[in-house]
Amino acid sequence: MSIRTTVTLDDDVVERVKHESKVRGATFRNTLNELLRQALVQAGTKQKRTLKIVPVNMGRRVPGLNYDYIGELLEYAEGPFHR
């Protein structure tokens, strides 16, 4: 079953579909339908995102300074009156 409908396409989209239909040797209609099917399948599948954390050397550590406590770091960097 097919439905006839009117869709307004941007000029760049029309040119890309025309080019693709020439490459495929298919009609504009068939090419557009196939491209839409492919896009809908891709939109329906979940894309896995991976997060890769790369450690960066921030310089040498200061002996005796605990890097787990922000208060100590602020006091070291800005002095005792940082607040």
PDB file of N, CA and C in Angstrom:
ATOM      1  N   MET A   1       0.843  -1.178   0.000  1.00  0.00           N
ATOM      2  CA  MET A   1       0.000   0.000   0.000  1.00  0.00           C
ATOM      3  C   MET A   1       0.882   1.232   0.000  1.00  0.00           C
ATOM      4  N   SER A   2       0.508   2.200  -0.762  1.00  0.00           N
ATOM      5  CA  SER A   2       1.245   3.456  -0.767  1.00  0.00           C
ATOM      6  C   SER A   2       0.251   4.608  -0.700  1.00  0.00           C
ATOM      7  N   ILE A   3       0.710   5.691  -0.151  1.00  0.00           N
ATOM      8  CA  ILE A   3      -0.114   6.888  -0.005  1.00  0.00           C
ATOM      9  C   ILE A   3       0.532   8.008  -0.782  1.00  0.00           C
ATOM     10  N   ARG A   4      -0.254   8.724  -1.486  1.00  0.00           N
ATOM     11  CA  ARG A   4       0.249   9.876  -2.224  1.00  0.00           C
ATOM     12  C   ARG A   4       0.083  11.094  -1.320  1.00  0.00           C
ATOM     13  N   THR A   5       1.197  11.809  -1.108  1.00  0.00           N
ATOM     14  CA  THR A   5       1.158  12.979  -0.242  1.00  0.00           C
ATOM     15  C   THR A   5       2.101  14.041  -0.779  1.00  0.00           C
ATOM     16  N   THR A   6       1.947  15.242  -0.305  1.00  0.00           N
ATOM     17  CA  THR A   6       2.817  16.343  -0.721  1.00  0.00           C
ATOM     18  C   THR A   6       3.775  16.666   0.411  1.00  0.00           C
ATOM     19  N   VAL A   7       5.043  16.691   0.069  1.00  0.00           N
ATOM     20  CA  VAL A   7       6.083  17.012   1.036  1.00  0.00           C
ATOM     21  C   VAL A   7       6.962  18.086   0.422  1.00  0.00           C
ATOM     22  N   THR A   8       7.302  19.086   1.194  1.00  0.00           N
ATOM     23  CA  THR A   8       8.198  20.131   0.721  1.00  0.00           C
ATOM     24  C   THR A   8       9.608  19.804   1.174  1.00  0.00           C
ATOM     25  N   LEU A   9      10.493  19.587   0.215  1.00  0.00           N
ATOM     26  CA  LEU A   9      11.884  19.254   0.498  1.00  0.00           C
ATOM     27  C   LEU A   9      12.763  20.470   0.246  1.00  0.00           C
ATOM     28  N   ASP A  10      13.790  20.615   1.040  1.00  0.00           N
ATOM     29  CA  ASP A  10      14.760  21.680   0.807  1.00  0.00           C
ATOM     30  C   ASP A  10      15.531  21.390  -0.469  1.00  0.00           C
ATOM     31  N   ASP A  11      16.018  22.457  -1.096  1.00  0.00           N
ATOM     32  CA  ASP A  11      16.715  22.312  -2.373  1.00  0.00           C
ATOM     33  C   ASP A  11      17.922  21.381  -2.288  1.00  0.00           C
ATOM     34  N   ASP A  12      18.678  21.490  -1.204  1.00  0.00           N
ATOM     35  CA  ASP A  12      19.871  20.644  -1.083  1.00  0.00           C
ATOM     36  C   ASP A  12      19.495  19.170  -0.950  1.00  0.00           C
ATOM     37  N   VAL A  13      18.362  18.887  -0.305  1.00  0.00           N
ATOM     38  CA  VAL A  13      17.907  17.503  -0.158  1.00  0.00           C
ATOM     39  C   VAL A  13      17.482  16.951  -1.514  1.00  0.00           C
ATOM     40  N   VAL A  14      16.773  17.747  -2.287  1.00  0.00           N
ATOM     41  CA  VAL A  14      16.330  17.322  -3.612  1.00  0.00           C
ATOM     42  C   VAL A  14      17.543  16.992  -4.482  1.00  0.00           C
ATOM     43  N   GLU A  15      18.552  17.851  -4.432  1.00  0.00           N
ATOM     44  CA  GLU A  15      19.745  17.621  -5.254  1.00  0.00           C
ATOM     45  C   GLU A  15      20.475  16.341  -4.833  1.00  0.00           C
ATOM     46  N   ARG A  16      20.549  16.108  -3.531  1.00  0.00           N
ATOM     47  CA  ARG A  16      21.236  14.893  -3.059  1.00  0.00           C
ATOM     48  C   ARG A  16      20.471  13.632  -3.439  1.00  0.00           C
ATOM     49  N   VAL A  17      19.147  13.682  -3.361  1.00  0.00           N
ATOM     50  CA  VAL A  17      18.346  12.513  -3.732  1.00  0.00           C
ATOM     51  C   VAL A  17      18.433  12.289  -5.247  1.00  0.00           C
ATOM     52  N   LYS A  18      18.409  13.369  -6.034  1.00  0.00           N
ATOM     53  CA  LYS A  18      18.553  13.227  -7.485  1.00  0.00           C
ATOM     54  C   LYS A  18      19.900  12.594  -7.828  1.00  0.00           C
ATOM     55  N   HIS A  19      20.948  13.076  -7.178  1.00  0.00           N
ATOM     56  CA  HIS A  19      22.277  12.523  -7.425  1.00  0.00           C
ATOM     57  C   HIS A  19      22.329  11.043  -7.047  1.00  0.00           C
ATOM     58  N   GLU A  20      21.782  10.719  -5.883  1.00  0.00           N
ATOM     59  CA  GLU A  20      21.780   9.326  -5.420  1.00  0.00           C
ATOM     60  C   GLU A  20      20.965   8.436  -6.352  1.00  0.00           C
ATOM     61  N   SER A  21      19.859   8.954  -6.872  1.00  0.00           N
ATOM     62  CA  SER A  21      19.040   8.147  -7.785  1.00  0.00           C
ATOM     63  C   SER A  21      19.778   7.891  -9.097  1.00  0.00           C
ATOM     64  N   LYS A  22      20.568   8.854  -9.551  1.00  0.00           N
ATOM     65  CA  LYS A  22      21.375   8.635 -10.760  1.00  0.00           C
ATOM     66  C   LYS A  22      22.438   7.572 -10.500  1.00  0.00           C
ATOM     67  N   VAL A  23      23.089   7.659  -9.318  1.00  0.00           N
ATOM     68  CA  VAL A  23      24.125   6.686  -8.972  1.00  0.00           C
ATOM     69  C   VAL A  23      23.533   5.284  -8.888  1.00  0.00           C
ATOM     70  N   ARG A  24      22.364   5.174  -8.300  1.00  0.00           N
ATOM     71  CA  ARG A  24      21.721   3.868  -8.131  1.00  0.00           C
ATOM     72  C   ARG A  24      21.019   3.376  -9.390  1.00  0.00           C
ATOM     73  N   GLY A  25      20.763   4.284 -10.313  1.00  0.00           N
ATOM     74  CA  GLY A  25      20.004   3.906 -11.506  1.00  0.00           C
ATOM     75  C   GLY A  25      18.559   3.625 -11.179  1.00  0.00           C
ATOM     76  N   ALA A  26      18.032   4.350 -10.198  1.00  0.00           N
ATOM     77  CA  ALA A  26      16.652   4.143  -9.748  1.00  0.00           C
ATOM     78  C   ALA A  26      15.876   5.448  -9.903  1.00  0.00           C
ATOM     79  N   THR A  27      14.571   5.349  -9.734  1.00  0.00           N
ATOM     80  CA  THR A  27      13.744   6.548  -9.827  1.00  0.00           C
ATOM     81  C   THR A  27      13.905   7.390  -8.557  1.00  0.00           C
ATOM     82  N   PHE A  28      13.529   8.648  -8.677  1.00  0.00           N
ATOM     83  CA  PHE A  28      13.576   9.562  -7.533  1.00  0.00           C
ATOM     84  C   PHE A  28      12.724   9.010  -6.393  1.00  0.00           C
ATOM     85  N   ARG A  29      11.535   8.544  -6.730  1.00  0.00           N
ATOM     86  CA  ARG A  29      10.608   8.023  -5.720  1.00  0.00           C
ATOM     87  C   ARG A  29      11.195   6.826  -4.978  1.00  0.00           C
ATOM     88  N   ASN A  30      11.726   5.861  -5.715  1.00  0.00           N
ATOM     89  CA  ASN A  30      12.286   4.667  -5.082  1.00  0.00           C
ATOM     90  C   ASN A  30      13.508   5.007  -4.231  1.00  0.00           C
ATOM     91  N   THR A  31      14.331   5.898  -4.738  1.00  0.00           N
ATOM     92  CA  THR A  31      15.518   6.297  -3.979  1.00  0.00           C
ATOM     93  C   THR A  31      15.119   7.012  -2.698  1.00  0.00           C
ATOM     94  N   LEU A  32      14.169   7.928  -2.785  1.00  0.00           N
ATOM     95  CA  LEU A  32      13.719   8.653  -1.597  1.00  0.00           C
ATOM     96  C   LEU A  32      13.115   7.700  -0.570  1.00  0.00           C
ATOM     97  N   ASN A  33      12.297   6.758  -1.018  1.00  0.00           N
ATOM     98  CA  ASN A  33      11.702   5.781  -0.101  1.00  0.00           C
ATOM     99  C   ASN A  33      12.774   4.946   0.586  1.00  0.00           C
ATOM    100  N   GLU A  34      13.776   4.501  -0.170  1.00  0.00           N
ATOM    101  CA  GLU A  34      14.829   3.672   0.411  1.00  0.00           C
ATOM    102  C   GLU A  34      15.673   4.478   1.413  1.00  0.00           C
ATOM    103  N   LEU A  35      15.980   5.709   1.079  1.00  0.00           N
ATOM    104  CA  LEU A  35      16.745   6.555   2.005  1.00  0.00           C
ATOM    105  C   LEU A  35      15.961   6.833   3.288  1.00  0.00           C
ATOM    106  N   LEU A  36      14.672   7.047   3.163  1.00  0.00           N
ATOM    107  CA  LEU A  36      13.831   7.249   4.345  1.00  0.00           C
ATOM    108  C   LEU A  36      13.780   5.989   5.206  1.00  0.00           C
ATOM    109  N   ARG A  37      13.666   4.838   4.572  1.00  0.00           N
ATOM    110  CA  ARG A  37      13.659   3.575   5.328  1.00  0.00           C
ATOM    111  C   ARG A  37      14.958   3.401   6.114  1.00  0.00           C
ATOM    112  N   GLN A  38      16.077   3.654   5.447  1.00  0.00           N
ATOM    113  CA  GLN A  38      17.372   3.530   6.114  1.00  0.00           C
ATOM    114  C   GLN A  38      17.487   4.487   7.299  1.00  0.00           C
ATOM    115  N   ALA A  39      17.043   5.717   7.104  1.00  0.00           N
ATOM    116  CA  ALA A  39      17.111   6.711   8.177  1.00  0.00           C
ATOM    117  C   ALA A  39      16.214   6.325   9.348  1.00  0.00           C
ATOM    118  N   LEU A  40      15.052   5.783   9.066  1.00  0.00           N
ATOM    119  CA  LEU A  40      14.132   5.367  10.128  1.00  0.00           C
ATOM    120  C   LEU A  40      14.677   4.177  10.906  1.00  0.00           C
ATOM    121  N   VAL A  41      15.332   3.251  10.223  1.00  0.00           N
ATOM    122  CA  VAL A  41      15.931   2.113  10.913  1.00  0.00           C
ATOM    123  C   VAL A  41      17.053   2.593  11.833  1.00  0.00           C
ATOM    124  N   GLN A  42      17.895   3.485  11.322  1.00  0.00           N
ATOM    125  CA  GLN A  42      18.988   4.011  12.138  1.00  0.00           C
ATOM    126  C   GLN A  42      18.466   4.809  13.331  1.00  0.00           C
ATOM    127  N   ALA A  43      17.399   5.551  13.127  1.00  0.00           N
ATOM    128  CA  ALA A  43      16.829   6.341  14.225  1.00  0.00           C
ATOM    129  C   ALA A  43      16.219   5.437  15.292  1.00  0.00           C
ATOM    130  N   GLY A  44      15.768   4.270  14.888  1.00  0.00           N
ATOM    131  CA  GLY A  44      15.141   3.347  15.829  1.00  0.00           C
ATOM    132  C   GLY A  44      16.122   2.545  16.649  1.00  0.00           C
ATOM    133  N   THR A  45      17.347   2.457  16.200  1.00  0.00           N
ATOM    134  CA  THR A  45      18.346   1.692  16.945  1.00  0.00           C
ATOM    135  C   THR A  45      19.080   2.613  17.908  1.00  0.00           C
ATOM    136  N   LYS A  46      19.320   2.084  19.094  1.00  0.00           N
ATOM    137  CA  LYS A  46      20.041   2.867  20.089  1.00  0.00           C
ATOM    138  C   LYS A  46      21.522   2.829  19.757  1.00  0.00           C
ATOM    139  N   GLN A  47      22.122   3.996  19.776  1.00  0.00           N
ATOM    140  CA  GLN A  47      23.554   4.063  19.536  1.00  0.00           C
ATOM    141  C   GLN A  47      24.276   4.034  20.869  1.00  0.00           C
ATOM    142  N   LYS A  48      25.253   3.145  20.959  1.00  0.00           N
ATOM    143  CA  LYS A  48      26.027   3.061  22.184  1.00  0.00           C
ATOM    144  C   LYS A  48      27.066   4.172  22.190  1.00  0.00           C
ATOM    145  N   ARG A  49      27.108   4.883  23.277  1.00  0.00           N
ATOM    146  CA  ARG A  49      28.132   5.908  23.443  1.00  0.00           C
ATOM    147  C   ARG A  49      29.141   5.394  24.447  1.00  0.00           C
ATOM    148  N   THR A  50      30.366   5.530  24.097  1.00  0.00           N
ATOM    149  CA  THR A  50      31.407   5.119  25.023  1.00  0.00           C
ATOM    150  C   THR A  50      32.162   6.355  25.484  1.00  0.00           C
ATOM    151  N   LEU A  51      32.475   6.361  26.731  1.00  0.00           N
ATOM    152  CA  LEU A  51      33.221   7.454  27.321  1.00  0.00           C
ATOM    153  C   LEU A  51      34.605   6.934  27.655  1.00  0.00           C
ATOM    154  N   LYS A  52      35.582   7.569  27.082  1.00  0.00           N
ATOM    155  CA  LYS A  52      36.951   7.165  27.341  1.00  0.00           C
ATOM    156  C   LYS A  52      37.624   8.284  28.123  1.00  0.00           C
ATOM    157  N   ILE A  53      38.081   7.940  29.304  1.00  0.00           N
ATOM    158  CA  ILE A  53      38.748   8.920  30.155  1.00  0.00           C
ATOM    159  C   ILE A  53      40.248   8.714  30.030  1.00  0.00           C
ATOM    160  N   VAL A  54      40.915   9.769  29.646  1.00  0.00           N
ATOM    161  CA  VAL A  54      42.354   9.708  29.476  1.00  0.00           C
ATOM    162  C   VAL A  54      42.988  10.553  30.577  1.00  0.00           C
ATOM    163  N   PRO A  55      43.784   9.951  31.438  1.00  0.00           N
ATOM    164  CA  PRO A  55      44.422  10.724  32.500  1.00  0.00           C
ATOM    165  C   PRO A  55      45.466  11.683  31.932  1.00  0.00           C
ATOM    166  N   VAL A  56      45.528  12.842  32.542  1.00  0.00           N
ATOM    167  CA  VAL A  56      46.469  13.868  32.115  1.00  0.00           C
ATOM    168  C   VAL A  56      47.357  14.222  33.300  1.00  0.00           C
ATOM    169  N   ASN A  57      48.636  14.261  33.072  1.00  0.00           N
ATOM    170  CA  ASN A  57      49.572  14.635  34.122  1.00  0.00           C
ATOM    171  C   ASN A  57      49.439  16.133  34.383  1.00  0.00           C
ATOM    172  N   MET A  58      49.064  16.477  35.599  1.00  0.00           N
ATOM    173  CA  MET A  58      48.856  17.876  35.959  1.00  0.00           C
ATOM    174  C   MET A  58      50.076  18.469  36.671  1.00  0.00           C
ATOM    175  N   GLY A  59      51.160  17.784  36.610  1.00  0.00           N
ATOM    176  CA  GLY A  59      52.364  18.262  37.275  1.00  0.00           C
ATOM    177  C   GLY A  59      52.639  17.441  38.517  1.00  0.00           C
ATOM    178  N   ARG A  60      53.682  17.812  39.203  1.00  0.00           N
ATOM    179  CA  ARG A  60      54.058  17.025  40.372  1.00  0.00           C
ATOM    180  C   ARG A  60      53.169  17.345  41.565  1.00  0.00           C
ATOM    181  N   ARG A  61      53.030  16.393  42.437  1.00  0.00           N
ATOM    182  CA  ARG A  61      52.236  16.559  43.652  1.00  0.00           C
ATOM    183  C   ARG A  61      53.061  17.270  44.719  1.00  0.00           C
ATOM    184  N   VAL A  62      52.377  18.038  45.522  1.00  0.00           N
ATOM    185  CA  VAL A  62      53.032  18.721  46.639  1.00  0.00           C
ATOM    186  C   VAL A  62      53.028  17.763  47.824  1.00  0.00           C
ATOM    187  N   PRO A  63      54.182  17.451  48.389  1.00  0.00           N
ATOM    188  CA  PRO A  63      54.227  16.548  49.540  1.00  0.00           C
ATOM    189  C   PRO A  63      53.420  17.098  50.718  1.00  0.00           C
ATOM    190  N   GLY A  64      52.643  16.231  51.341  1.00  0.00           N
ATOM    191  CA  GLY A  64      51.875  16.619  52.516  1.00  0.00           C
ATOM    192  C   GLY A  64      50.528  17.248  52.204  1.00  0.00           C
ATOM    193  N   LEU A  65      50.213  17.503  50.943  1.00  0.00           N
ATOM    194  CA  LEU A  65      48.935  18.117  50.564  1.00  0.00           C
ATOM    195  C   LEU A  65      47.973  17.003  50.139  1.00  0.00           C
ATOM    196  N   ASN A  66      46.795  16.958  50.774  1.00  0.00           N
ATOM    197  CA  ASN A  66      45.806  15.940  50.464  1.00  0.00           C
ATOM    198  C   ASN A  66      44.922  16.437  49.316  1.00  0.00           C
ATOM    199  N   TYR A  67      44.994  15.771  48.196  1.00  0.00           N
ATOM    200  CA  TYR A  67      44.260  16.193  47.010  1.00  0.00           C
ATOM    201  C   TYR A  67      42.788  15.788  47.042  1.00  0.00           C
ATOM    202  N   ASP A  68      42.380  15.099  48.085  1.00  0.00           N
ATOM    203  CA  ASP A  68      40.983  14.693  48.218  1.00  0.00           C
ATOM    204  C   ASP A  68      40.135  15.768  48.898  1.00  0.00           C
ATOM    205  N   TYR A  69      40.751  16.765  49.502  1.00  0.00           N
ATOM    206  CA  TYR A  69      40.021  17.802  50.238  1.00  0.00           C
ATOM    207  C   TYR A  69      40.206  19.147  49.569  1.00  0.00           C
ATOM    208  N   ILE A  70      39.124  19.664  49.016  1.00  0.00           N
ATOM    209  CA  ILE A  70      39.173  20.917  48.257  1.00  0.00           C
ATOM    210  C   ILE A  70      39.586  22.092  49.137  1.00  0.00           C
ATOM    211  N   GLY A  71      39.205  22.039  50.417  1.00  0.00           N
ATOM    212  CA  GLY A  71      39.575  23.130  51.322  1.00  0.00           C
ATOM    213  C   GLY A  71      41.079  23.276  51.451  1.00  0.00           C
ATOM    214  N   GLU A  72      41.777  22.158  51.576  1.00  0.00           N
ATOM    215  CA  GLU A  72      43.233  22.201  51.670  1.00  0.00           C
ATOM    216  C   GLU A  72      43.849  22.722  50.376  1.00  0.00           C
ATOM    217  N   LEU A  73      43.292  22.311  49.258  1.00  0.00           N
ATOM    218  CA  LEU A  73      43.809  22.778  47.969  1.00  0.00           C
ATOM    219  C   LEU A  73      43.607  24.284  47.806  1.00  0.00           C
ATOM    220  N   LEU A  74      42.425  24.785  48.208  1.00  0.00           N
ATOM    221  CA  LEU A  74      42.170  26.223  48.121  1.00  0.00           C
ATOM    222  C   LEU A  74      43.097  27.011  49.033  1.00  0.00           C
ATOM    223  N   GLU A  75      43.297  26.505  50.224  1.00  0.00           N
ATOM    224  CA  GLU A  75      44.183  27.196  51.153  1.00  0.00           C
ATOM    225  C   GLU A  75      45.618  27.222  50.628  1.00  0.00           C
ATOM    226  N   TYR A  76      46.040  26.135  50.022  1.00  0.00           N
ATOM    227  CA  TYR A  76      47.390  26.078  49.456  1.00  0.00           C
ATOM    228  C   TYR A  76      47.520  27.067  48.289  1.00  0.00           C
ATOM    229  N   ALA A  77      46.504  27.113  47.419  1.00  0.00           N
ATOM    230  CA  ALA A  77      46.581  27.935  46.214  1.00  0.00           C
ATOM    231  C   ALA A  77      46.317  29.406  46.492  1.00  0.00           C
ATOM    232  N   GLU A  78      45.396  29.716  47.409  1.00  0.00           N
ATOM    233  CA  GLU A  78      44.980  31.106  47.597  1.00  0.00           C
ATOM    234  C   GLU A  78      45.356  31.684  48.943  1.00  0.00           C
ATOM    235  N   GLY A  79      45.896  30.882  49.808  1.00  0.00           N
ATOM    236  CA  GLY A  79      46.296  31.364  51.122  1.00  0.00           C
ATOM    237  C   GLY A  79      45.253  31.060  52.175  1.00  0.00           C
ATOM    238  N   PRO A  80      45.578  31.354  53.436  1.00  0.00           N
ATOM    239  CA  PRO A  80      44.671  31.013  54.524  1.00  0.00           C
ATOM    240  C   PRO A  80      43.379  31.825  54.546  1.00  0.00           C
ATOM    241  N   PHE A  81      43.324  32.937  53.844  1.00  0.00           N
ATOM    242  CA  PHE A  81      42.121  33.796  53.868  1.00  0.00           C
ATOM    243  C   PHE A  81      41.324  33.659  52.562  1.00  0.00           C
ATOM    244  N   HIS A  82      41.260  32.467  52.017  1.00  0.00           N
ATOM    245  CA  HIS A  82      40.587  32.228  50.746  1.00  0.00           C
ATOM    246  C   HIS A  82      39.085  32.366  50.818  1.00  0.00           C
ATOM    247  N   ARG A  83      38.518  32.383  51.998  1.00  0.00           N
ATOM    248  CA  ARG A  83      37.049  32.430  52.132  1.00  0.00           C
ATOM    249  C   ARG A  83      36.546  33.803  52.140  1.00  0.00           C
TER     250      ARG A  83
END
